[in-house]
Amino acid sequence: MRLERELKSNYRPIITGASTHKGEERPILEAFIEFKKRNLDAQLILVPRHPERWEEVENLAKSLAEVNGLSFNLYSEMDLKSDIVLIDYYGKKPNRIILRPFRGLLVF
């Protein structure tokens, strides 16, 4: 019961765009922006498949976030409360461990 109450009180819809390839982020971002209009506490976590694309995806996400009045941060900046977070970390740990600080519904 206690865990259930805690989960409900910390609920925040979290949408993940994980292991994305070139061309997939824009539609994900645009869909999230529309979803966010009806779900003000929603958060998007983007996880590009290839680290060499982080800068490209960062520029796109920052631009769309700014135009739509949303906050954006990199995971490495440790501001995990932003509307859009780009995971710019690649290591030996699976993404589910990296995403542990985020509370809410994780969609993989």
PDB file of N, CA and C in Angstrom:
ATOM      1  N   MET A   1       0.817  -1.198   0.000  1.00  0.00           N
ATOM      2  CA  MET A   1       0.000   0.000   0.000  1.00  0.00           C
ATOM      3  C   MET A   1       0.860   1.262   0.000  1.00  0.00           C
ATOM      4  N   ARG A   2       1.897   1.290   0.843  1.00  0.00           N
ATOM      5  CA  ARG A   2       2.756   2.470   0.930  1.00  0.00           C
ATOM      6  C   ARG A   2       3.442   2.741  -0.413  1.00  0.00           C
ATOM      7  N   LEU A   3       3.960   1.673  -1.041  1.00  0.00           N
ATOM      8  CA  LEU A   3       4.626   1.820  -2.332  1.00  0.00           C
ATOM      9  C   LEU A   3       3.644   2.336  -3.381  1.00  0.00           C
ATOM     10  N   GLU A   4       2.439   1.805  -3.373  1.00  0.00           N
ATOM     11  CA  GLU A   4       1.431   2.241  -4.328  1.00  0.00           C
ATOM     12  C   GLU A   4       1.101   3.719  -4.148  1.00  0.00           C
ATOM     13  N   ARG A   5       0.952   4.168  -2.897  1.00  0.00           N
ATOM     14  CA  ARG A   5       0.683   5.589  -2.632  1.00  0.00           C
ATOM     15  C   ARG A   5       1.844   6.455  -3.101  1.00  0.00           C
ATOM     16  N   GLU A   6       3.067   6.002  -2.834  1.00  0.00           N
ATOM     17  CA  GLU A   6       4.246   6.773  -3.236  1.00  0.00           C
ATOM     18  C   GLU A   6       4.337   6.877  -4.759  1.00  0.00           C
ATOM     19  N   LEU A   7       4.067   5.765  -5.444  1.00  0.00           N
ATOM     20  CA  LEU A   7       4.106   5.793  -6.903  1.00  0.00           C
ATOM     21  C   LEU A   7       3.059   6.744  -7.462  1.00  0.00           C
ATOM     22  N   LYS A   8       1.866   6.718  -6.906  1.00  0.00           N
ATOM     23  CA  LYS A   8       0.810   7.606  -7.382  1.00  0.00           C
ATOM     24  C   LYS A   8       1.134   9.063  -7.105  1.00  0.00           C
ATOM     25  N   SER A   9       1.729   9.358  -5.964  1.00  0.00           N
ATOM     26  CA  SER A   9       2.037  10.753  -5.638  1.00  0.00           C
ATOM     27  C   SER A   9       3.198  11.289  -6.465  1.00  0.00           C
ATOM     28  N   ASN A  10       4.053  10.411  -6.975  1.00  0.00           N
ATOM     29  CA  ASN A  10       5.203  10.831  -7.765  1.00  0.00           C
ATOM     30  C   ASN A  10       4.985  10.628  -9.261  1.00  0.00           C
ATOM     31  N   TYR A  11       3.787  10.261  -9.646  1.00  0.00           N
ATOM     32  CA  TYR A  11       3.514   9.938 -11.040  1.00  0.00           C
ATOM     33  C   TYR A  11       3.722  11.151 -11.943  1.00  0.00           C
ATOM     34  N   ARG A  12       4.438  10.915 -12.996  1.00  0.00           N
ATOM     35  CA  ARG A  12       4.645  11.910 -14.041  1.00  0.00           C
ATOM     36  C   ARG A  12       4.753  11.133 -15.342  1.00  0.00           C
ATOM     37  N   PRO A  13       3.889  11.423 -16.314  1.00  0.00           N
ATOM     38  CA  PRO A  13       4.005  10.677 -17.573  1.00  0.00           C
ATOM     39  C   PRO A  13       5.364  10.954 -18.221  1.00  0.00           C
ATOM     40  N   ILE A  14       6.111   9.896 -18.434  1.00  0.00           N
ATOM     41  CA  ILE A  14       7.411  10.014 -19.078  1.00  0.00           C
ATOM     42  C   ILE A  14       7.385   9.199 -20.358  1.00  0.00           C
ATOM     43  N   ILE A  15       7.708   9.856 -21.434  1.00  0.00           N
ATOM     44  CA  ILE A  15       7.767   9.204 -22.737  1.00  0.00           C
ATOM     45  C   ILE A  15       9.233   9.114 -23.125  1.00  0.00           C
ATOM     46  N   THR A  16       9.652   7.953 -23.567  1.00  0.00           N
ATOM     47  CA  THR A  16      11.037   7.812 -24.005  1.00  0.00           C
ATOM     48  C   THR A  16      11.083   7.510 -25.491  1.00  0.00           C
ATOM     49  N   GLY A  17      11.975   8.211 -26.155  1.00  0.00           N
ATOM     50  CA  GLY A  17      12.321   7.914 -27.534  1.00  0.00           C
ATOM     51  C   GLY A  17      13.701   7.295 -27.469  1.00  0.00           C
ATOM     52  N   ALA A  18      13.761   5.973 -27.384  1.00  0.00           N
ATOM     53  CA  ALA A  18      15.037   5.301 -27.129  1.00  0.00           C
ATOM     54  C   ALA A  18      15.573   4.615 -28.379  1.00  0.00           C
ATOM     55  N   SER A  19      16.895   4.625 -28.487  1.00  0.00           N
ATOM     56  CA  SER A  19      17.607   3.979 -29.583  1.00  0.00           C
ATOM     57  C   SER A  19      17.160   4.535 -30.933  1.00  0.00           C
ATOM     58  N   THR A  20      17.002   5.858 -30.972  1.00  0.00           N
ATOM     59  CA  THR A  20      16.489   6.504 -32.180  1.00  0.00           C
ATOM     60  C   THR A  20      17.566   6.645 -33.251  1.00  0.00           C
ATOM     61  N   HIS A  21      17.090   6.650 -34.489  1.00  0.00           N
ATOM     62  CA  HIS A  21      17.949   6.838 -35.659  1.00  0.00           C
ATOM     63  C   HIS A  21      17.636   8.192 -36.303  1.00  0.00           C
ATOM     64  N   LYS A  22      18.499   8.619 -37.200  1.00  0.00           N
ATOM     65  CA  LYS A  22      18.317   9.890 -37.905  1.00  0.00           C
ATOM     66  C   LYS A  22      16.919   9.947 -38.514  1.00  0.00           C
ATOM     67  N   GLY A  23      16.260  11.072 -38.300  1.00  0.00           N
ATOM     68  CA  GLY A  23      14.931  11.282 -38.849  1.00  0.00           C
ATOM     69  C   GLY A  23      13.797  10.869 -37.916  1.00  0.00           C
ATOM     70  N   GLU A  24      14.081  10.169 -36.851  1.00  0.00           N
ATOM     71  CA  GLU A  24      13.035   9.722 -35.940  1.00  0.00           C
ATOM     72  C   GLU A  24      12.745  10.719 -34.825  1.00  0.00           C
ATOM     73  N   GLU A  25      13.711  11.567 -34.493  1.00  0.00           N
ATOM     74  CA  GLU A  25      13.529  12.459 -33.351  1.00  0.00           C
ATOM     75  C   GLU A  25      12.502  13.562 -33.604  1.00  0.00           C
ATOM     76  N   ARG A  26      12.503  14.150 -34.796  1.00  0.00           N
ATOM     77  CA  ARG A  26      11.558  15.244 -35.066  1.00  0.00           C
ATOM     78  C   ARG A  26      10.106  14.801 -34.859  1.00  0.00           C
ATOM     79  N   PRO A  27       9.660  13.691 -35.455  1.00  0.00           N
ATOM     80  CA  PRO A  27       8.269  13.270 -35.213  1.00  0.00           C
ATOM     81  C   PRO A  27       7.994  12.962 -33.741  1.00  0.00           C
ATOM     82  N   ILE A  28       8.977  12.404 -33.046  1.00  0.00           N
ATOM     83  CA  ILE A  28       8.804  12.123 -31.617  1.00  0.00           C
ATOM     84  C   ILE A  28       8.635  13.436 -30.859  1.00  0.00           C
ATOM     85  N   LEU A  29       9.498  14.408 -31.141  1.00  0.00           N
ATOM     86  CA  LEU A  29       9.416  15.712 -30.479  1.00  0.00           C
ATOM     87  C   LEU A  29       8.093  16.405 -30.784  1.00  0.00           C
ATOM     88  N   GLU A  30       7.680  16.378 -32.033  1.00  0.00           N
ATOM     89  CA  GLU A  30       6.427  17.040 -32.417  1.00  0.00           C
ATOM     90  C   GLU A  30       5.220  16.375 -31.743  1.00  0.00           C
ATOM     91  N   ALA A  31       5.229  15.053 -31.675  1.00  0.00           N
ATOM     92  CA  ALA A  31       4.133  14.344 -30.993  1.00  0.00           C
ATOM     93  C   ALA A  31       4.140  14.668 -29.500  1.00  0.00           C
ATOM     94  N   PHE A  32       5.329  14.725 -28.912  1.00  0.00           N
ATOM     95  CA  PHE A  32       5.429  15.064 -27.495  1.00  0.00           C
ATOM     96  C   PHE A  32       4.902  16.470 -27.224  1.00  0.00           C
ATOM     97  N   ILE A  33       5.234  17.416 -28.076  1.00  0.00           N
ATOM     98  CA  ILE A  33       4.778  18.800 -27.903  1.00  0.00           C
ATOM     99  C   ILE A  33       3.248  18.844 -27.888  1.00  0.00           C
ATOM    100  N   GLU A  34       2.619  18.099 -28.762  1.00  0.00           N
ATOM    101  CA  GLU A  34       1.149  18.039 -28.774  1.00  0.00           C
ATOM    102  C   GLU A  34       0.619  17.354 -27.515  1.00  0.00           C
ATOM    103  N   PHE A  35       1.238  16.268 -27.124  1.00  0.00           N
ATOM    104  CA  PHE A  35       0.844  15.539 -25.911  1.00  0.00           C
ATOM    105  C   PHE A  35       0.989  16.430 -24.681  1.00  0.00           C
ATOM    106  N   LYS A  36       2.044  17.197 -24.646  1.00  0.00           N
ATOM    107  CA  LYS A  36       2.356  18.078 -23.509  1.00  0.00           C
ATOM    108  C   LYS A  36       1.270  19.138 -23.304  1.00  0.00           C
ATOM    109  N   LYS A  37       0.622  19.553 -24.372  1.00  0.00           N
ATOM    110  CA  LYS A  37      -0.449  20.556 -24.262  1.00  0.00           C
ATOM    111  C   LYS A  37      -1.603  20.051 -23.404  1.00  0.00           C
ATOM    112  N   ARG A  38      -1.818  18.748 -23.385  1.00  0.00           N
ATOM    113  CA  ARG A  38      -2.902  18.146 -22.600  1.00  0.00           C
ATOM    114  C   ARG A  38      -2.405  17.483 -21.313  1.00  0.00           C
ATOM    115  N   ASN A  39      -1.087  17.347 -21.206  1.00  0.00           N
ATOM    116  CA  ASN A  39      -0.483  16.682 -20.052  1.00  0.00           C
ATOM    117  C   ASN A  39       0.700  17.525 -19.595  1.00  0.00           C
ATOM    118  N   LEU A  40       0.407  18.565 -18.851  1.00  0.00           N
ATOM    119  CA  LEU A  40       1.406  19.587 -18.532  1.00  0.00           C
ATOM    120  C   LEU A  40       2.620  19.064 -17.777  1.00  0.00           C
ATOM    121  N   ASP A  41       2.469  17.973 -17.042  1.00  0.00           N
ATOM    122  CA  ASP A  41       3.603  17.459 -16.273  1.00  0.00           C
ATOM    123  C   ASP A  41       4.392  16.385 -17.025  1.00  0.00           C
ATOM    124  N   ALA A  42       4.067  16.150 -18.279  1.00  0.00           N
ATOM    125  CA  ALA A  42       4.747  15.118 -19.069  1.00  0.00           C
ATOM    126  C   ALA A  42       6.201  15.487 -19.341  1.00  0.00           C
ATOM    127  N   GLN A  43       6.995  14.456 -19.551  1.00  0.00           N
ATOM    128  CA  GLN A  43       8.422  14.638 -19.824  1.00  0.00           C
ATOM    129  C   GLN A  43       8.822  13.691 -20.950  1.00  0.00           C
ATOM    130  N   LEU A  44       9.743  14.155 -21.793  1.00  0.00           N
ATOM    131  CA  LEU A  44      10.278  13.338 -22.884  1.00  0.00           C
ATOM    132  C   LEU A  44      11.750  13.083 -22.626  1.00  0.00           C
ATOM    133  N   ILE A  45      12.143  11.834 -22.751  1.00  0.00           N
ATOM    134  CA  ILE A  45      13.541  11.463 -22.638  1.00  0.00           C
ATOM    135  C   ILE A  45      13.972  10.892 -23.980  1.00  0.00           C
ATOM    136  N   LEU A  46      14.946  11.541 -24.603  1.00  0.00           N
ATOM    137  CA  LEU A  46      15.468  11.090 -25.893  1.00  0.00           C
ATOM    138  C   LEU A  46      16.794  10.374 -25.683  1.00  0.00           C
ATOM    139  N   VAL A  47      16.925   9.225 -26.332  1.00  0.00           N
ATOM    140  CA  VAL A  47      18.154   8.434 -26.223  1.00  0.00           C
ATOM    141  C   VAL A  47      18.578   8.013 -27.630  1.00  0.00           C
ATOM    142  N   PRO A  48      19.355   8.871 -28.312  1.00  0.00           N
ATOM    143  CA  PRO A  48      19.820   8.492 -29.662  1.00  0.00           C
ATOM    144  C   PRO A  48      20.664   7.218 -29.606  1.00  0.00           C
ATOM    145  N   ARG A  49      20.527   6.403 -30.630  1.00  0.00           N
ATOM    146  CA  ARG A  49      21.250   5.122 -30.670  1.00  0.00           C
ATOM    147  C   ARG A  49      22.760   5.326 -30.776  1.00  0.00           C
ATOM    148  N   HIS A  50      23.185   6.336 -31.526  1.00  0.00           N
ATOM    149  CA  HIS A  50      24.611   6.536 -31.781  1.00  0.00           C
ATOM    150  C   HIS A  50      25.105   7.825 -31.126  1.00  0.00           C
ATOM    151  N   PRO A  51      26.114   7.733 -30.254  1.00  0.00           N
ATOM    152  CA  PRO A  51      26.635   8.914 -29.552  1.00  0.00           C
ATOM    153  C   PRO A  51      27.084  10.044 -30.472  1.00  0.00           C
ATOM    154  N   GLU A  52      27.546   9.725 -31.656  1.00  0.00           N
ATOM    155  CA  GLU A  52      28.000  10.773 -32.571  1.00  0.00           C
ATOM    156  C   GLU A  52      26.858  11.667 -33.056  1.00  0.00           C
ATOM    157  N   ARG A  53      25.619  11.301 -32.774  1.00  0.00           N
ATOM    158  CA  ARG A  53      24.454  12.105 -33.165  1.00  0.00           C
ATOM    159  C   ARG A  53      23.944  12.998 -32.039  1.00  0.00           C
ATOM    160  N   TRP A  54      24.544  12.904 -30.860  1.00  0.00           N
ATOM    161  CA  TRP A  54      24.054  13.671 -29.713  1.00  0.00           C
ATOM    162  C   TRP A  54      23.953  15.155 -30.023  1.00  0.00           C
ATOM    163  N   GLU A  55      24.978  15.739 -30.632  1.00  0.00           N
ATOM    164  CA  GLU A  55      24.959  17.178 -30.901  1.00  0.00           C
ATOM    165  C   GLU A  55      23.847  17.548 -31.876  1.00  0.00           C
ATOM    166  N   GLU A  56      23.671  16.757 -32.916  1.00  0.00           N
ATOM    167  CA  GLU A  56      22.603  16.996 -33.889  1.00  0.00           C
ATOM    168  C   GLU A  56      21.225  16.947 -33.226  1.00  0.00           C
ATOM    169  N   VAL A  57      21.007  15.933 -32.400  1.00  0.00           N
ATOM    170  CA  VAL A  57      19.719  15.777 -31.710  1.00  0.00           C
ATOM    171  C   VAL A  57      19.555  16.877 -30.662  1.00  0.00           C
ATOM    172  N   GLU A  58      20.625  17.240 -29.996  1.00  0.00           N
ATOM    173  CA  GLU A  58      20.572  18.332 -29.019  1.00  0.00           C
ATOM    174  C   GLU A  58      20.113  19.623 -29.683  1.00  0.00           C
ATOM    175  N   ASN A  59      20.697  19.960 -30.827  1.00  0.00           N
ATOM    176  CA  ASN A  59      20.328  21.190 -31.527  1.00  0.00           C
ATOM    177  C   ASN A  59      18.853  21.186 -31.936  1.00  0.00           C
ATOM    178  N   LEU A  60      18.383  20.066 -32.448  1.00  0.00           N
ATOM    179  CA  LEU A  60      16.977  19.945 -32.842  1.00  0.00           C
ATOM    180  C   LEU A  60      16.053  20.082 -31.638  1.00  0.00           C
ATOM    181  N   ALA A  61      16.354  19.337 -30.578  1.00  0.00           N
ATOM    182  CA  ALA A  61      15.497  19.349 -29.388  1.00  0.00           C
ATOM    183  C   ALA A  61      15.488  20.725 -28.724  1.00  0.00           C
ATOM    184  N   LYS A  62      16.652  21.349 -28.614  1.00  0.00           N
ATOM    185  CA  LYS A  62      16.732  22.693 -28.028  1.00  0.00           C
ATOM    186  C   LYS A  62      15.896  23.684 -28.816  1.00  0.00           C
ATOM    187  N   SER A  63      16.023  23.623 -30.129  1.00  0.00           N
ATOM    188  CA  SER A  63      15.292  24.542 -31.003  1.00  0.00           C
ATOM    189  C   SER A  63      13.780  24.382 -30.842  1.00  0.00           C
ATOM    190  N   LEU A  64      13.298  23.146 -30.915  1.00  0.00           N
ATOM    191  CA  LEU A  64      11.855  22.913 -30.784  1.00  0.00           C
ATOM    192  C   LEU A  64      11.361  23.222 -29.380  1.00  0.00           C
ATOM    193  N   ALA A  65      12.170  22.944 -28.389  1.00  0.00           N
ATOM    194  CA  ALA A  65      11.784  23.262 -27.013  1.00  0.00           C
ATOM    195  C   ALA A  65      11.638  24.769 -26.854  1.00  0.00           C
ATOM    196  N   GLU A  66      12.604  25.512 -27.330  1.00  0.00           N
ATOM    197  CA  GLU A  66      12.584  26.976 -27.196  1.00  0.00           C
ATOM    198  C   GLU A  66      11.374  27.586 -27.892  1.00  0.00           C
ATOM    199  N   VAL A  67      11.113  27.154 -29.108  1.00  0.00           N
ATOM    200  CA  VAL A  67       9.986  27.681 -29.884  1.00  0.00           C
ATOM    201  C   VAL A  67       8.655  27.400 -29.188  1.00  0.00           C
ATOM    202  N   ASN A  68       8.587  26.296 -28.456  1.00  0.00           N
ATOM    203  CA  ASN A  68       7.331  25.888 -27.821  1.00  0.00           C
ATOM    204  C   ASN A  68       7.288  26.157 -26.321  1.00  0.00           C
ATOM    205  N   GLY A  69       8.254  26.913 -25.817  1.00  0.00           N
ATOM    206  CA  GLY A  69       8.254  27.292 -24.412  1.00  0.00           C
ATOM    207  C   GLY A  69       8.503  26.148 -23.444  1.00  0.00           C
ATOM    208  N   LEU A  70       9.271  25.171 -23.872  1.00  0.00           N
ATOM    209  CA  LEU A  70       9.572  24.024 -23.022  1.00  0.00           C
ATOM    210  C   LEU A  70      11.029  24.089 -22.563  1.00  0.00           C
ATOM    211  N   SER A  71      11.305  23.421 -21.450  1.00  0.00           N
ATOM    212  CA  SER A  71      12.687  23.375 -20.950  1.00  0.00           C
ATOM    213  C   SER A  71      13.399  22.164 -21.544  1.00  0.00           C
ATOM    214  N   PHE A  72      14.720  22.309 -21.692  1.00  0.00           N
ATOM    215  CA  PHE A  72      15.547  21.250 -22.266  1.00  0.00           C
ATOM    216  C   PHE A  72      16.856  21.172 -21.492  1.00  0.00           C
ATOM    217  N   ASN A  73      17.310  19.953 -21.253  1.00  0.00           N
ATOM    218  CA  ASN A  73      18.619  19.751 -20.637  1.00  0.00           C
ATOM    219  C   ASN A  73      19.229  18.453 -21.123  1.00  0.00           C
ATOM    220  N   LEU A  74      20.539  18.393 -20.998  1.00  0.00           N
ATOM    221  CA  LEU A  74      21.262  17.148 -21.218  1.00  0.00           C
ATOM    222  C   LEU A  74      21.282  16.358 -19.915  1.00  0.00           C
ATOM    223  N   TYR A  75      21.288  15.053 -20.017  1.00  0.00           N
ATOM    224  CA  TYR A  75      21.378  14.198 -18.837  1.00  0.00           C
ATOM    225  C   TYR A  75      22.626  14.542 -18.033  1.00  0.00           C
ATOM    226  N   SER A  76      23.723  14.844 -18.721  1.00  0.00           N
ATOM    227  CA  SER A  76      24.993  15.137 -18.055  1.00  0.00           C
ATOM    228  C   SER A  76      24.939  16.410 -17.217  1.00  0.00           C
ATOM    229  N   GLU A  77      23.947  17.267 -17.488  1.00  0.00           N
ATOM    230  CA  GLU A  77      23.786  18.494 -16.706  1.00  0.00           C
ATOM    231  C   GLU A  77      23.036  18.243 -15.400  1.00  0.00           C
ATOM    232  N   MET A  78      22.493  17.048 -15.263  1.00  0.00           N
ATOM    233  CA  MET A  78      21.819  16.589 -14.049  1.00  0.00           C
ATOM    234  C   MET A  78      20.597  17.421 -13.645  1.00  0.00           C
ATOM    235  N   ASP A  79      19.980  18.097 -14.587  1.00  0.00           N
ATOM    236  CA  ASP A  79      18.689  18.743 -14.326  1.00  0.00           C
ATOM    237  C   ASP A  79      17.639  17.819 -14.922  1.00  0.00           C
ATOM    238  N   LEU A  80      17.193  16.888 -14.124  1.00  0.00           N
ATOM    239  CA  LEU A  80      16.311  15.847 -14.620  1.00  0.00           C
ATOM    240  C   LEU A  80      14.840  16.239 -14.577  1.00  0.00           C
ATOM    241  N   LYS A  81      14.562  17.493 -14.267  1.00  0.00           N
ATOM    242  CA  LYS A  81      13.178  17.945 -14.183  1.00  0.00           C
ATOM    243  C   LYS A  81      12.720  18.667 -15.443  1.00  0.00           C
ATOM    244  N   SER A  82      13.591  18.806 -16.410  1.00  0.00           N
ATOM    245  CA  SER A  82      13.244  19.506 -17.646  1.00  0.00           C
ATOM    246  C   SER A  82      12.159  18.763 -18.404  1.00  0.00           C
ATOM    247  N   ASP A  83      11.467  19.495 -19.271  1.00  0.00           N
ATOM    248  CA  ASP A  83      10.430  18.879 -20.099  1.00  0.00           C
ATOM    249  C   ASP A  83      11.033  17.851 -21.058  1.00  0.00           C
ATOM    250  N   ILE A  84      12.196  18.194 -21.606  1.00  0.00           N
ATOM    251  CA  ILE A  84      12.879  17.309 -22.548  1.00  0.00           C
ATOM    252  C   ILE A  84      14.300  17.089 -22.041  1.00  0.00           C
ATOM    253  N   VAL A  85      14.683  15.823 -21.922  1.00  0.00           N
ATOM    254  CA  VAL A  85      16.036  15.477 -21.481  1.00  0.00           C
ATOM    255  C   VAL A  85      16.662  14.581 -22.550  1.00  0.00           C
ATOM    256  N   LEU A  86      17.852  14.958 -22.979  1.00  0.00           N
ATOM    257  CA  LEU A  86      18.605  14.147 -23.931  1.00  0.00           C
ATOM    258  C   LEU A  86      19.653  13.364 -23.159  1.00  0.00           C
ATOM    259  N   ILE A  87      19.593  12.046 -23.284  1.00  0.00           N
ATOM    260  CA  ILE A  87      20.591  11.208 -22.626  1.00  0.00           C
ATOM    261  C   ILE A  87      21.873  11.279 -23.460  1.00  0.00           C
ATOM    262  N   ASP A  88      22.862  11.939 -22.912  1.00  0.00           N
ATOM    263  CA  ASP A  88      24.155  12.108 -23.599  1.00  0.00           C
ATOM    264  C   ASP A  88      25.227  11.336 -22.829  1.00  0.00           C
ATOM    265  N   TYR A  89      24.889  10.137 -22.476  1.00  0.00           N
ATOM    266  CA  TYR A  89      25.790   9.296 -21.699  1.00  0.00           C
ATOM    267  C   TYR A  89      25.790   7.923 -22.331  1.00  0.00           C
ATOM    268  N   TYR A  90      26.950   7.388 -22.491  1.00  0.00           N
ATOM    269  CA  TYR A  90      27.052   6.045 -23.040  1.00  0.00           C
ATOM    270  C   TYR A  90      28.040   5.275 -22.196  1.00  0.00           C
ATOM    271  N   GLY A  91      27.590   4.215 -21.626  1.00  0.00           N
ATOM    272  CA  GLY A  91      28.468   3.439 -20.766  1.00  0.00           C
ATOM    273  C   GLY A  91      28.109   1.977 -20.819  1.00  0.00           C
ATOM    274  N   LYS A  92      28.592   1.249 -19.849  1.00  0.00           N
ATOM    275  CA  LYS A  92      28.356  -0.188 -19.815  1.00  0.00           C
ATOM    276  C   LYS A  92      27.028  -0.541 -19.174  1.00  0.00           C
ATOM    277  N   LYS A  93      26.430   0.413 -18.468  1.00  0.00           N
ATOM    278  CA  LYS A  93      25.167   0.129 -17.787  1.00  0.00           C
ATOM    279  C   LYS A  93      24.014   0.245 -18.782  1.00  0.00           C
ATOM    280  N   PRO A  94      23.045  -0.638 -18.679  1.00  0.00           N
ATOM    281  CA  PRO A  94      21.885  -0.531 -19.570  1.00  0.00           C
ATOM    282  C   PRO A  94      21.067   0.728 -19.283  1.00  0.00           C
ATOM    283  N   ASN A  95      20.332   1.182 -20.283  1.00  0.00           N
ATOM    284  CA  ASN A  95      19.544   2.412 -20.163  1.00  0.00           C
ATOM    285  C   ASN A  95      18.577   2.394 -18.992  1.00  0.00           C
ATOM    286  N   ARG A  96      18.063   1.251 -18.616  1.00  0.00           N
ATOM    287  CA  ARG A  96      17.099   1.229 -17.515  1.00  0.00           C
ATOM    288  C   ARG A  96      17.741   1.698 -16.215  1.00  0.00           C
ATOM    289  N   ILE A  97      19.052   1.497 -16.064  1.00  0.00           N
ATOM    290  CA  ILE A  97      19.739   1.990 -14.879  1.00  0.00           C
ATOM    291  C   ILE A  97      19.971   3.492 -14.998  1.00  0.00           C
ATOM    292  N   ILE A  98      20.326   3.952 -16.174  1.00  0.00           N
ATOM    293  CA  ILE A  98      20.519   5.382 -16.405  1.00  0.00           C
ATOM    294  C   ILE A  98      19.223   6.140 -16.134  1.00  0.00           C
ATOM    295  N   LEU A  99      18.098   5.560 -16.513  1.00  0.00           N
ATOM    296  CA  LEU A  99      16.810   6.237 -16.394  1.00  0.00           C
ATOM    297  C   LEU A  99      16.201   6.119 -15.000  1.00  0.00           C
ATOM    298  N   ARG A 100      16.825   5.404 -14.104  1.00  0.00           N
ATOM    299  CA  ARG A 100      16.284   5.199 -12.766  1.00  0.00           C
ATOM    300  C   ARG A 100      15.917   6.497 -12.045  1.00  0.00           C
ATOM    301  N   PRO A 101      16.666   7.621 -12.202  1.00  0.00           N
ATOM    302  CA  PRO A 101      16.290   8.842 -11.478  1.00  0.00           C
ATOM    303  C   PRO A 101      14.950   9.435 -11.906  1.00  0.00           C
ATOM    304  N   PHE A 102      14.451   9.051 -13.070  1.00  0.00           N
ATOM    305  CA  PHE A 102      13.197   9.610 -13.549  1.00  0.00           C
ATOM    306  C   PHE A 102      12.042   8.830 -12.941  1.00  0.00           C
ATOM    307  N   ARG A 103      11.049   9.555 -12.448  1.00  0.00           N
ATOM    308  CA  ARG A 103       9.895   8.892 -11.858  1.00  0.00           C
ATOM    309  C   ARG A 103       8.708   9.048 -12.785  1.00  0.00           C
ATOM    310  N   GLY A 104       7.988   7.989 -12.947  1.00  0.00           N
ATOM    311  CA  GLY A 104       6.809   8.030 -13.793  1.00  0.00           C
ATOM    312  C   GLY A 104       6.730   6.782 -14.622  1.00  0.00           C
ATOM    313  N   LEU A 105       6.056   6.869 -15.725  1.00  0.00           N
ATOM    314  CA  LEU A 105       5.851   5.738 -16.605  1.00  0.00           C
ATOM    315  C   LEU A 105       6.932   5.773 -17.674  1.00  0.00           C
ATOM    316  N   LEU A 106       7.712   4.716 -17.753  1.00  0.00           N
ATOM    317  CA  LEU A 106       8.746   4.629 -18.783  1.00  0.00           C
ATOM    318  C   LEU A 106       8.234   3.722 -19.883  1.00  0.00           C
ATOM    319  N   VAL A 107       8.247   4.210 -21.082  1.00  0.00           N
ATOM    320  CA  VAL A 107       7.793   3.432 -22.238  1.00  0.00           C
ATOM    321  C   VAL A 107       9.004   3.088 -23.081  1.00  0.00           C
ATOM    322  N   PHE A 108       9.289   1.805 -23.218  1.00  0.00           N
ATOM    323  CA  PHE A 108      10.440   1.375 -24.027  1.00  0.00           C
ATOM    324  C   PHE A 108       9.962   0.736 -25.289  1.00  0.00           C
TER     325      PHE A 108
END
